[in-house]
């Protein structure tokens, strides 16, 4: 039962990244190499970057983007607060992240038309499969949750 719960939580966390692999590929193509001794910023994309990606992938209207952006920002803020809350166990943190993601997903999908909802679900499925292919391994080789869908703060 614990394994099932953990697996479900990991899959849910994967969906938080929404479309990170596509973003990573885009970022590699668009981001110039770092200067000598410099480092690239690592982490999830910004809310604006994520919104632009969703806009392209789902063919969002400007009105839809305006409605979705606060959902993504709120999710980002909540996830950031959770990551900084040292009082929570890893499992509690993952459960809360899953709840936040599910809430954001419902909010976003309410703004989308039927065709866009299907594309959105496909994006999340691809993320889930990518996470599973990597074995749910984080950068340190531990089972770390993927970055949240709410991209990096700038």
Protein backbone atom coordinates (compact mmCIF):
# COMPACT_ATOMS: atom_id res chain seq x y z
CA UNK A 1 0.00 0.00 0.00
CA UNK A 2 2.82 2.41 0.88
CA UNK A 3 4.52 1.62 -2.41
CA UNK A 4 1.33 2.36 -4.31
CA UNK A 5 0.88 5.65 -2.46
CA UNK A 6 4.51 6.57 -3.06
CA UNK A 7 4.25 5.66 -6.75
CA UNK A 8 1.09 7.71 -7.11
CA UNK A 9 2.71 10.66 -5.36
CA UNK A 10 5.76 10.43 -7.61
CA UNK A 11 3.56 10.36 -10.70
CA UNK A 12 1.63 13.33 -9.40
CA UNK A 13 4.86 15.19 -8.75
CA UNK A 14 5.92 14.41 -12.27
CA UNK A 15 2.86 16.13 -13.60
CA UNK A 16 3.91 19.21 -11.69
CA UNK A 17 6.69 19.67 -14.16
CA UNK A 18 3.99 19.72 -16.84
CA UNK A 19 6.29 20.14 -19.78
CA UNK A 20 9.78 20.56 -18.37
CA UNK A 21 11.59 18.24 -20.86
CA UNK A 22 10.26 20.26 -23.77
CA UNK A 23 11.29 23.42 -21.94
CA UNK A 24 14.72 22.04 -21.26
CA UNK A 25 15.20 21.30 -24.94
CA UNK A 26 13.96 24.77 -25.91
CA UNK A 27 16.17 26.37 -23.28
CA UNK A 28 19.24 24.52 -24.53
CA UNK A 29 18.58 25.79 -28.03
CA UNK A 30 17.90 29.37 -26.94
CA UNK A 31 20.27 29.83 -24.00
CA UNK A 32 23.78 30.87 -24.93
CA UNK A 33 26.60 28.92 -23.32
CA UNK A 34 27.79 30.34 -20.00
CA UNK A 35 30.72 32.73 -19.93
CA UNK A 36 34.04 31.36 -18.72
CA UNK A 37 33.57 30.42 -15.08
CA UNK A 38 29.84 31.17 -15.29
CA UNK A 39 26.98 28.84 -14.58
CA UNK A 40 23.56 28.39 -16.12
CA UNK A 41 20.52 28.75 -13.90
CA UNK A 42 19.03 25.34 -13.17
CA UNK A 43 15.51 24.68 -12.05
CA UNK A 44 12.03 24.83 -13.43
CA UNK A 45 11.09 27.51 -15.97
CA UNK A 46 9.55 30.81 -14.87
CA UNK A 47 5.78 31.26 -14.73
CA UNK A 48 6.00 33.38 -17.89
CA UNK A 49 8.09 30.75 -19.68
CA UNK A 50 5.67 28.03 -18.64
CA UNK A 51 2.73 30.12 -19.76
CA UNK A 52 4.38 30.77 -23.13
CA UNK A 53 5.03 27.06 -23.55
CA UNK A 54 1.44 26.17 -22.67
CA UNK A 55 0.27 28.96 -24.95
CA UNK A 56 2.09 27.40 -27.89
CA UNK A 57 1.32 23.78 -27.03
CA UNK A 58 -2.38 24.39 -26.39
CA UNK A 59 -2.91 27.36 -28.72
CA UNK A 60 -4.16 29.50 -25.83
CA UNK A 61 -5.85 32.82 -26.42
CA UNK A 62 -4.58 35.93 -24.64
CA UNK A 63 -7.68 35.77 -22.44
CA UNK A 64 -6.92 32.17 -21.44
CA UNK A 65 -3.31 33.07 -20.67
CA UNK A 66 -4.47 35.94 -18.46
CA UNK A 67 -6.76 33.56 -16.55
CA UNK A 68 -4.18 30.78 -16.19
CA UNK A 69 -1.20 32.88 -15.13
CA UNK A 70 -2.47 33.56 -11.56
CA UNK A 71 -3.09 29.81 -11.09
CA UNK A 72 0.51 29.03 -12.06
CA UNK A 73 1.89 31.82 -9.87
CA UNK A 74 -0.18 30.70 -6.89
CA UNK A 75 1.00 27.11 -7.38
CA UNK A 76 4.59 28.30 -7.57
CA UNK A 77 4.26 30.33 -4.38
CA UNK A 78 2.66 27.44 -2.50
CA UNK A 79 5.26 24.94 -3.72
CA UNK A 80 8.08 27.28 -2.75
CA UNK A 81 6.65 27.67 0.75
CA UNK A 82 6.34 23.88 1.06
CA UNK A 83 9.95 23.30 0.02
CA UNK A 84 11.07 25.69 2.74
CA UNK A 85 8.89 24.15 5.46
CA UNK A 86 11.31 21.97 7.39
CA UNK A 87 8.57 20.82 9.78
CA UNK A 88 7.00 18.54 7.17
CA UNK A 89 8.08 14.99 6.50
CA UNK A 90 8.98 14.15 2.92
CA UNK A 91 5.75 12.19 2.52
CA UNK A 92 3.61 15.02 3.93
CA UNK A 93 5.36 17.50 1.63
CA UNK A 94 4.76 15.27 -1.39
CA UNK A 95 1.11 14.80 -0.46
CA UNK A 96 0.60 18.54 -0.12
CA UNK A 97 2.39 19.17 -3.42
CA UNK A 98 0.13 16.62 -5.06
CA UNK A 99 -2.94 18.40 -3.68
CA UNK A 100 -1.68 21.77 -4.89
CA UNK A 101 -0.98 20.35 -8.33
CA UNK A 102 -4.40 18.70 -8.55
CA UNK A 103 -6.05 21.99 -7.62
CA UNK A 104 -4.05 23.90 -10.23
CA UNK A 105 -4.81 21.28 -12.86
CA UNK A 106 -8.54 21.64 -12.18
CA UNK A 107 -8.30 25.42 -12.40
CA UNK A 108 -6.34 25.34 -15.65
CA UNK A 109 -8.59 22.75 -17.27
CA UNK A 110 -11.67 24.83 -16.41
CA UNK A 111 -10.29 27.56 -18.69
CA UNK A 112 -9.53 25.20 -21.59
CA UNK A 113 -11.84 23.96 -24.31
CA UNK A 114 -12.28 20.22 -24.87
CA UNK A 115 -9.50 19.92 -27.46
CA UNK A 116 -7.07 21.88 -25.28
CA UNK A 117 -7.93 19.72 -22.27
CA UNK A 118 -6.96 16.61 -24.25
CA UNK A 119 -3.66 18.20 -25.28
CA UNK A 120 -3.03 19.25 -21.68
CA UNK A 121 -3.65 15.69 -20.50
CA UNK A 122 -1.25 14.43 -23.20
CA UNK A 123 1.46 16.85 -21.99
CA UNK A 124 1.09 15.53 -18.48
CA UNK A 125 1.17 11.91 -19.68
CA UNK A 126 4.42 12.53 -21.54
CA UNK A 127 5.94 14.05 -18.42
CA UNK A 128 4.84 11.07 -16.35
CA UNK A 129 6.35 8.61 -18.86
CA UNK A 130 9.60 10.58 -18.98
CA UNK A 131 9.85 10.55 -15.20
CA UNK A 132 9.14 6.83 -15.11
CA UNK A 133 11.76 6.16 -17.82
CA UNK A 134 14.33 7.95 -15.69
CA UNK A 135 13.25 5.75 -12.79
CA UNK A 136 12.06 8.73 -10.75
CA UNK A 137 15.68 9.60 -10.01
CA UNK A 138 16.68 13.13 -9.11
CA UNK A 139 20.00 14.74 -9.88
CA UNK A 140 21.62 13.16 -6.84
CA UNK A 141 20.41 9.69 -7.80
CA UNK A 142 17.88 9.65 -4.98
CA UNK A 143 14.15 9.42 -5.47
CA UNK A 144 13.54 13.14 -5.54
CA UNK A 145 10.32 14.67 -6.79
CA UNK A 146 10.63 16.48 -10.13
CA UNK A 147 10.58 20.27 -10.16
CA UNK A 148 7.14 21.78 -9.81
CA UNK A 149 5.17 23.06 -12.75
CA UNK A 150 5.46 26.53 -11.49
CA UNK A 151 8.76 27.52 -13.01
CA UNK A 152 11.75 29.34 -11.48
CA UNK A 153 11.47 32.66 -9.77
CA UNK A 154 13.41 35.52 -11.29
